[in-house]
Amino acid sequence: MKINEVEALVGITKKNIRFYEEKGLLSPSRNSENGYRDYGQEEVDVLRRIKLLRKLGVPIEEIRRMQEGTQTVGDGMRRHLVTLERERQNIDEAVRLCGLLKEREVPLGELDAESVLEEMAELERAGATFQNKQRQDVRIRYVAPVAAALVMVALMSGVAAVMLWAFWAAPTGAPLAVVLALEAVPLLIICGVLYALFQRIREIGRGESDDAKQY
């Protein structure tokens, strides 16, 4: 079977199927004639088991241990139940606090958040974990500068490579000093971009991530 057929049969997207392959949870054979992946009933069964466990929230590493035989399904579920029970307690606490806030029919500007935050801090010291949307926002803010830096580094690397090829292919050649001077330009730009990215990441980390850990 081809990946499109497996996607339709199991109900897992091609992207996720390839992800599980990258993680080593799935190893389809290769067609000797064209090199394409060839999926059979065994791979379909494996994907159905992975789908079941992932829908229950079982981590990839737990699934790997079950596949490798270092633990049984029962072992994995006992470990996962501990995690789910902890998450349920955290959700119960969040539901309780949301219920208390629901009774406060006041504008947000008049909400006394300090007392609620103190109670949450006490619960966290006791082991509770609350959702931290702030930290998710911080991760999103890393995406743009990293993507821009990668594009610029790739562009300047291409420019440097083309210049080197041009100098090498030139019949007369160019003085070494000229070659080094011109090659230094894209390399300096790359260094500047990477330094700016490093500074931006530090800025985001200091200004947002560290604060988020205290909330």
C-alpha atoms as a PDB file:
ATOM      1  CA  MET A   1       0.000   0.000   0.000  1.00  0.00           C
ATOM      2  CA  LYS A   2       1.019   3.591  -0.571  1.00  0.00           C
ATOM      3  CA  ILE A   3       0.919   6.210   2.140  1.00  0.00           C
ATOM      4  CA  ASN A   4      -2.277   7.752   0.749  1.00  0.00           C
ATOM      5  CA  GLU A   5      -4.063   4.411   1.119  1.00  0.00           C
ATOM      6  CA  VAL A   6      -2.784   4.004   4.673  1.00  0.00           C
ATOM      7  CA  GLU A   7      -3.919   7.533   5.532  1.00  0.00           C
ATOM      8  CA  ALA A   8      -7.451   6.736   4.330  1.00  0.00           C
ATOM      9  CA  LEU A   9      -7.521   3.309   5.981  1.00  0.00           C
ATOM     10  CA  VAL A  10      -6.209   4.244   9.439  1.00  0.00           C
ATOM     11  CA  GLY A  11      -7.302   7.884   9.655  1.00  0.00           C
ATOM     12  CA  ILE A  12      -3.818   9.249  10.385  1.00  0.00           C
ATOM     13  CA  THR A  13      -2.440  12.047   8.199  1.00  0.00           C
ATOM     14  CA  LYS A  14       0.609  11.497   6.011  1.00  0.00           C
ATOM     15  CA  LYS A  15       2.454  14.083   8.076  1.00  0.00           C
ATOM     16  CA  ASN A  16       1.852  12.118  11.287  1.00  0.00           C
ATOM     17  CA  ILE A  17       2.744   8.817   9.629  1.00  0.00           C
ATOM     18  CA  ARG A  18       6.098  10.269   8.561  1.00  0.00           C
ATOM     19  CA  PHE A  19       6.552  11.721  12.049  1.00  0.00           C
ATOM     20  CA  TYR A  20       6.138   8.266  13.598  1.00  0.00           C
ATOM     21  CA  GLU A  21       8.638   6.921  11.086  1.00  0.00           C
ATOM     22  CA  GLU A  22      11.144   9.614  12.079  1.00  0.00           C
ATOM     23  CA  LYS A  23      10.656   8.686  15.723  1.00  0.00           C
ATOM     24  CA  GLY A  24      11.363   5.050  14.943  1.00  0.00           C
ATOM     25  CA  LEU A  25       7.886   3.770  15.817  1.00  0.00           C
ATOM     26  CA  LEU A  26       7.204   2.607  12.262  1.00  0.00           C
ATOM     27  CA  SER A  27       9.595   1.010   9.751  1.00  0.00           C
ATOM     28  CA  PRO A  28       7.931   0.269   6.400  1.00  0.00           C
ATOM     29  CA  SER A  29       9.884  -1.601   3.760  1.00  0.00           C
ATOM     30  CA  ARG A  30      11.100   0.025   0.546  1.00  0.00           C
ATOM     31  CA  ASN A  31      10.055  -0.978  -2.936  1.00  0.00           C
ATOM     32  CA  SER A  32      13.221  -2.254  -4.627  1.00  0.00           C
ATOM     33  CA  GLU A  33      12.113  -0.916  -8.012  1.00  0.00           C
ATOM     34  CA  ASN A  34      11.269   2.702  -7.185  1.00  0.00           C
ATOM     35  CA  GLY A  35      12.446   3.176  -3.598  1.00  0.00           C
ATOM     36  CA  TYR A  36       8.996   4.191  -2.370  1.00  0.00           C
ATOM     37  CA  ARG A  37       7.768   3.121   1.051  1.00  0.00           C
ATOM     38  CA  ASP A  38       5.651   0.002   0.905  1.00  0.00           C
ATOM     39  CA  TYR A  39       3.112  -0.363   3.710  1.00  0.00           C
ATOM     40  CA  GLY A  40       1.515  -3.669   4.590  1.00  0.00           C
ATOM     41  CA  GLN A  41      -0.993  -4.982   7.111  1.00  0.00           C
ATOM     42  CA  GLU A  42       1.693  -5.029   9.812  1.00  0.00           C
ATOM     43  CA  GLU A  43       2.287  -1.276   9.450  1.00  0.00           C
ATOM     44  CA  VAL A  44      -1.468  -0.656   9.448  1.00  0.00           C
ATOM     45  CA  ASP A  45      -1.821  -2.592  12.716  1.00  0.00           C
ATOM     46  CA  VAL A  46       1.118  -0.709  14.257  1.00  0.00           C
ATOM     47  CA  LEU A  47      -0.400   2.643  13.284  1.00  0.00           C
ATOM     48  CA  ARG A  48      -3.762   1.673  14.754  1.00  0.00           C
ATOM     49  CA  ARG A  49      -2.082   0.841  18.064  1.00  0.00           C
ATOM     50  CA  ILE A  50      -0.166   4.114  17.986  1.00  0.00           C
ATOM     51  CA  LYS A  51      -3.367   6.006  17.168  1.00  0.00           C
ATOM     52  CA  LEU A  52      -5.166   4.387  20.101  1.00  0.00           C
ATOM     53  CA  LEU A  53      -2.414   5.212  22.577  1.00  0.00           C
ATOM     54  CA  ARG A  54      -1.916   8.756  21.292  1.00  0.00           C
ATOM     55  CA  LYS A  55      -5.652   9.457  21.545  1.00  0.00           C
ATOM     56  CA  LEU A  56      -5.326   8.453  25.204  1.00  0.00           C
ATOM     57  CA  GLY A  57      -2.438  10.894  25.591  1.00  0.00           C
ATOM     58  CA  VAL A  58       0.355   8.338  25.971  1.00  0.00           C
ATOM     59  CA  PRO A  59       3.783   9.919  25.267  1.00  0.00           C
ATOM     60  CA  ILE A  60       5.918   8.750  22.358  1.00  0.00           C
ATOM     61  CA  GLU A  61       8.616   7.347  24.654  1.00  0.00           C
ATOM     62  CA  GLU A  62       6.088   5.212  26.524  1.00  0.00           C
ATOM     63  CA  ILE A  63       4.866   3.781  23.212  1.00  0.00           C
ATOM     64  CA  ARG A  64       8.476   3.086  22.228  1.00  0.00           C
ATOM     65  CA  ARG A  65       9.063   1.113  25.438  1.00  0.00           C
ATOM     66  CA  MET A  66       5.957  -0.973  24.767  1.00  0.00           C
ATOM     67  CA  GLN A  67       7.066  -1.634  21.199  1.00  0.00           C
ATOM     68  CA  GLU A  68      10.544  -2.635  22.322  1.00  0.00           C
ATOM     69  CA  GLY A  69       9.040  -5.012  24.884  1.00  0.00           C
ATOM     70  CA  THR A  70      10.731  -3.416  27.886  1.00  0.00           C
ATOM     71  CA  GLN A  71       7.284  -2.926  29.372  1.00  0.00           C
ATOM     72  CA  THR A  72       3.853  -4.402  28.743  1.00  0.00           C
ATOM     73  CA  VAL A  73       0.704  -2.514  27.886  1.00  0.00           C
ATOM     74  CA  GLY A  74      -0.310  -2.858  31.532  1.00  0.00           C
ATOM     75  CA  ASP A  75       3.001  -1.366  32.700  1.00  0.00           C
ATOM     76  CA  GLY A  76       2.592   1.562  30.336  1.00  0.00           C
ATOM     77  CA  MET A  77      -0.986   2.185  31.390  1.00  0.00           C
ATOM     78  CA  ARG A  78      -0.113   2.091  35.078  1.00  0.00           C
ATOM     79  CA  ARG A  79       2.527   4.762  34.494  1.00  0.00           C
ATOM     80  CA  HIS A  80       0.179   6.792  32.333  1.00  0.00           C
ATOM     81  CA  LEU A  81      -2.640   6.560  34.880  1.00  0.00           C
ATOM     82  CA  VAL A  82      -0.377   8.205  37.450  1.00  0.00           C
ATOM     83  CA  THR A  83       0.156  11.099  35.034  1.00  0.00           C
ATOM     84  CA  LEU A  84      -3.556  11.343  34.225  1.00  0.00           C
ATOM     85  CA  GLU A  85      -4.486  11.319  37.900  1.00  0.00           C
ATOM     86  CA  ARG A  86      -2.043  14.146  38.551  1.00  0.00           C
ATOM     87  CA  GLU A  87      -3.475  16.086  35.615  1.00  0.00           C
ATOM     88  CA  ARG A  88      -7.014  15.461  36.864  1.00  0.00           C
ATOM     89  CA  GLN A  89      -6.132  16.861  40.276  1.00  0.00           C
ATOM     90  CA  ASN A  90      -4.631  19.920  38.595  1.00  0.00           C
ATOM     91  CA  ILE A  91      -7.754  20.379  36.464  1.00  0.00           C
ATOM     92  CA  ASP A  92      -9.993  19.933  39.515  1.00  0.00           C
ATOM     93  CA  GLU A  93      -8.102  22.725  41.265  1.00  0.00           C
ATOM     94  CA  ALA A  94      -8.340  24.949  38.187  1.00  0.00           C
ATOM     95  CA  VAL A  95     -12.083  24.232  37.935  1.00  0.00           C
ATOM     96  CA  ARG A  96     -12.530  25.089  41.605  1.00  0.00           C
ATOM     97  CA  LEU A  97     -10.679  28.395  41.239  1.00  0.00           C
ATOM     98  CA  CYS A  98     -12.570  29.263  38.051  1.00  0.00           C
ATOM     99  CA  GLY A  99     -15.802  28.522  39.927  1.00  0.00           C
ATOM    100  CA  LEU A 100     -14.822  30.936  42.670  1.00  0.00           C
ATOM    101  CA  LEU A 101     -13.953  33.634  40.138  1.00  0.00           C
ATOM    102  CA  LYS A 102     -17.249  33.044  38.356  1.00  0.00           C
ATOM    103  CA  GLU A 103     -19.052  34.396  41.395  1.00  0.00           C
ATOM    104  CA  ARG A 104     -17.147  37.682  41.256  1.00  0.00           C
ATOM    105  CA  GLU A 105     -19.357  39.798  39.030  1.00  0.00           C
ATOM    106  CA  VAL A 106     -16.869  42.662  38.794  1.00  0.00           C
ATOM    107  CA  PRO A 107     -14.900  44.244  35.936  1.00  0.00           C
ATOM    108  CA  LEU A 108     -11.422  42.794  35.478  1.00  0.00           C
ATOM    109  CA  GLY A 109      -9.921  46.090  36.628  1.00  0.00           C
ATOM    110  CA  GLU A 110     -11.482  45.587  40.069  1.00  0.00           C
ATOM    111  CA  LEU A 111     -10.420  41.946  40.495  1.00  0.00           C
ATOM    112  CA  ASP A 112      -8.152  41.271  43.476  1.00  0.00           C
ATOM    113  CA  ALA A 113      -5.784  38.865  41.754  1.00  0.00           C
ATOM    114  CA  GLU A 114      -3.177  38.865  44.517  1.00  0.00           C
ATOM    115  CA  SER A 115      -5.140  36.643  46.882  1.00  0.00           C
ATOM    116  CA  VAL A 116      -5.947  34.123  44.150  1.00  0.00           C
ATOM    117  CA  LEU A 117      -2.322  34.054  42.977  1.00  0.00           C
ATOM    118  CA  GLU A 118      -1.169  33.417  46.527  1.00  0.00           C
ATOM    119  CA  GLU A 119      -3.526  30.458  46.787  1.00  0.00           C
ATOM    120  CA  MET A 120      -2.300  29.126  43.444  1.00  0.00           C
ATOM    121  CA  ALA A 121       1.303  29.502  44.613  1.00  0.00           C
ATOM    122  CA  GLU A 122       0.516  27.433  47.688  1.00  0.00           C
ATOM    123  CA  LEU A 123      -1.047  24.740  45.511  1.00  0.00           C
ATOM    124  CA  GLU A 124       1.965  24.777  43.180  1.00  0.00           C
ATOM    125  CA  ARG A 125       4.328  24.371  46.121  1.00  0.00           C
ATOM    126  CA  ALA A 126       2.268  21.310  47.034  1.00  0.00           C
ATOM    127  CA  GLY A 127       2.781  19.889  43.539  1.00  0.00           C
ATOM    128  CA  ALA A 128      -0.081  21.286  41.463  1.00  0.00           C
ATOM    129  CA  THR A 129       0.566  22.522  37.910  1.00  0.00           C
ATOM    130  CA  PHE A 130      -1.603  25.094  36.173  1.00  0.00           C
ATOM    131  CA  GLN A 131      -1.750  25.909  32.481  1.00  0.00           C
ATOM    132  CA  ASN A 132       0.744  28.562  31.463  1.00  0.00           C
ATOM    133  CA  LYS A 133      -0.457  30.228  28.286  1.00  0.00           C
ATOM    134  CA  GLN A 134       2.187  32.885  28.810  1.00  0.00           C
ATOM    135  CA  ARG A 135       4.957  30.384  28.215  1.00  0.00           C
ATOM    136  CA  GLN A 136       3.260  29.224  25.026  1.00  0.00           C
ATOM    137  CA  ASP A 137       3.164  32.839  23.843  1.00  0.00           C
ATOM    138  CA  VAL A 138       6.894  33.120  24.532  1.00  0.00           C
ATOM    139  CA  ARG A 139       7.636  30.060  22.390  1.00  0.00           C
ATOM    140  CA  ILE A 140       5.644  31.563  19.522  1.00  0.00           C
ATOM    141  CA  ARG A 141       7.702  34.768  19.715  1.00  0.00           C
ATOM    142  CA  TYR A 142      10.871  32.786  19.025  1.00  0.00           C
ATOM    143  CA  VAL A 143       9.590  31.583  15.649  1.00  0.00           C
ATOM    144  CA  ALA A 144       9.792  34.836  13.650  1.00  0.00           C
ATOM    145  CA  PRO A 145      13.393  35.862  14.520  1.00  0.00           C
ATOM    146  CA  VAL A 146      14.711  32.320  14.059  1.00  0.00           C
ATOM    147  CA  ALA A 147      12.970  31.953  10.685  1.00  0.00           C
ATOM    148  CA  ALA A 148      14.231  35.351   9.476  1.00  0.00           C
ATOM    149  CA  ALA A 149      17.773  34.536  10.595  1.00  0.00           C
ATOM    150  CA  LEU A 150      17.748  31.160   8.836  1.00  0.00           C
ATOM    151  CA  VAL A 151      16.558  32.745   5.589  1.00  0.00           C
ATOM    152  CA  MET A 152      19.266  35.423   5.719  1.00  0.00           C
ATOM    153  CA  VAL A 153      22.013  32.916   6.597  1.00  0.00           C
ATOM    154  CA  ALA A 154      20.931  30.663   3.714  1.00  0.00           C
ATOM    155  CA  LEU A 155      20.877  33.630   1.324  1.00  0.00           C
ATOM    156  CA  MET A 156      24.317  34.895   2.320  1.00  0.00           C
ATOM    157  CA  SER A 157      25.753  31.374   2.220  1.00  0.00           C
ATOM    158  CA  GLY A 158      24.447  31.069  -1.315  1.00  0.00           C
ATOM    159  CA  VAL A 159      26.025  34.384  -2.270  1.00  0.00           C
ATOM    160  CA  ALA A 160      29.376  33.318  -0.810  1.00  0.00           C
ATOM    161  CA  ALA A 161      29.210  29.982  -2.645  1.00  0.00           C
ATOM    162  CA  VAL A 162      28.392  31.653  -5.980  1.00  0.00           C
ATOM    163  CA  MET A 163      31.256  34.129  -5.541  1.00  0.00           C
ATOM    164  CA  LEU A 164      33.706  31.344  -4.801  1.00  0.00           C
ATOM    165  CA  TRP A 165      32.541  29.431  -7.864  1.00  0.00           C
ATOM    166  CA  ALA A 166      32.869  32.561 -10.024  1.00  0.00           C
ATOM    167  CA  PHE A 167      36.422  33.209  -8.844  1.00  0.00           C
ATOM    168  CA  TRP A 168      37.374  29.564  -9.308  1.00  0.00           C
ATOM    169  CA  ALA A 169      35.832  29.395 -12.806  1.00  0.00           C
ATOM    170  CA  ALA A 170      37.377  32.673 -14.016  1.00  0.00           C
ATOM    171  CA  PRO A 171      40.062  31.929 -16.628  1.00  0.00           C
ATOM    172  CA  THR A 172      42.478  34.601 -15.408  1.00  0.00           C
ATOM    173  CA  GLY A 173      41.730  34.277 -11.733  1.00  0.00           C
ATOM    174  CA  ALA A 174      41.572  37.062  -9.209  1.00  0.00           C
ATOM    175  CA  PRO A 175      44.059  38.219  -6.575  1.00  0.00           C
ATOM    176  CA  LEU A 176      43.680  36.284  -3.352  1.00  0.00           C
ATOM    177  CA  ALA A 177      43.309  39.494  -1.351  1.00  0.00           C
ATOM    178  CA  VAL A 178      40.335  40.543  -3.494  1.00  0.00           C
ATOM    179  CA  VAL A 179      38.707  37.133  -3.132  1.00  0.00           C
ATOM    180  CA  LEU A 180      39.109  37.181   0.654  1.00  0.00           C
ATOM    181  CA  ALA A 181      37.822  40.746   0.926  1.00  0.00           C
ATOM    182  CA  LEU A 182      34.691  40.010  -1.107  1.00  0.00           C
ATOM    183  CA  GLU A 183      34.061  36.699   0.651  1.00  0.00           C
ATOM    184  CA  ALA A 184      34.309  38.462   4.004  1.00  0.00           C
ATOM    185  CA  VAL A 185      31.244  40.567   3.235  1.00  0.00           C
ATOM    186  CA  PRO A 186      28.590  37.781   3.311  1.00  0.00           C
ATOM    187  CA  LEU A 187      30.437  36.056   6.147  1.00  0.00           C
ATOM    188  CA  LEU A 188      30.351  39.228   8.243  1.00  0.00           C
ATOM    189  CA  ILE A 189      26.637  39.604   7.487  1.00  0.00           C
ATOM    190  CA  ILE A 190      26.023  36.010   8.626  1.00  0.00           C
ATOM    191  CA  CYS A 191      27.943  36.656  11.860  1.00  0.00           C
ATOM    192  CA  GLY A 192      25.938  39.842  12.425  1.00  0.00           C
ATOM    193  CA  VAL A 193      22.629  38.054  11.834  1.00  0.00           C
ATOM    194  CA  LEU A 194      23.538  35.233  14.229  1.00  0.00           C
ATOM    195  CA  TYR A 195      24.673  37.721  16.867  1.00  0.00           C
ATOM    196  CA  ALA A 196      21.425  39.685  16.491  1.00  0.00           C
ATOM    197  CA  LEU A 197      19.452  36.439  16.802  1.00  0.00           C
ATOM    198  CA  PHE A 198      21.370  35.518  19.942  1.00  0.00           C
ATOM    199  CA  GLN A 199      20.660  38.918  21.469  1.00  0.00           C
ATOM    200  CA  ARG A 200      16.965  38.717  20.532  1.00  0.00           C
ATOM    201  CA  ILE A 201      16.598  35.281  22.077  1.00  0.00           C
ATOM    202  CA  ARG A 202      18.275  36.514  25.255  1.00  0.00           C
ATOM    203  CA  GLU A 203      15.963  39.527  25.274  1.00  0.00           C
ATOM    204  CA  ILE A 204      12.859  37.378  24.914  1.00  0.00           C
ATOM    205  CA  GLY A 205      14.155  34.973  27.527  1.00  0.00           C
ATOM    206  CA  ARG A 206      15.003  37.630  30.101  1.00  0.00           C
ATOM    207  CA  GLY A 207      11.924  39.739  29.566  1.00  0.00           C
ATOM    208  CA  GLU A 208       9.297  37.057  29.202  1.00  0.00           C
ATOM    209  CA  SER A 209      10.361  33.470  29.814  1.00  0.00           C
ATOM    210  CA  ASP A 210      11.983  34.055  33.190  1.00  0.00           C
ATOM    211  CA  ASP A 211       8.995  36.113  34.328  1.00  0.00           C
ATOM    212  CA  ALA A 212       6.627  33.410  33.138  1.00  0.00           C
ATOM    213  CA  LYS A 213       8.345  30.896  35.415  1.00  0.00           C
ATOM    214  CA  GLN A 214       7.351  32.996  38.415  1.00  0.00           C
ATOM    215  CA  TYR A 215       3.681  33.166  37.457  1.00  0.00           C
END
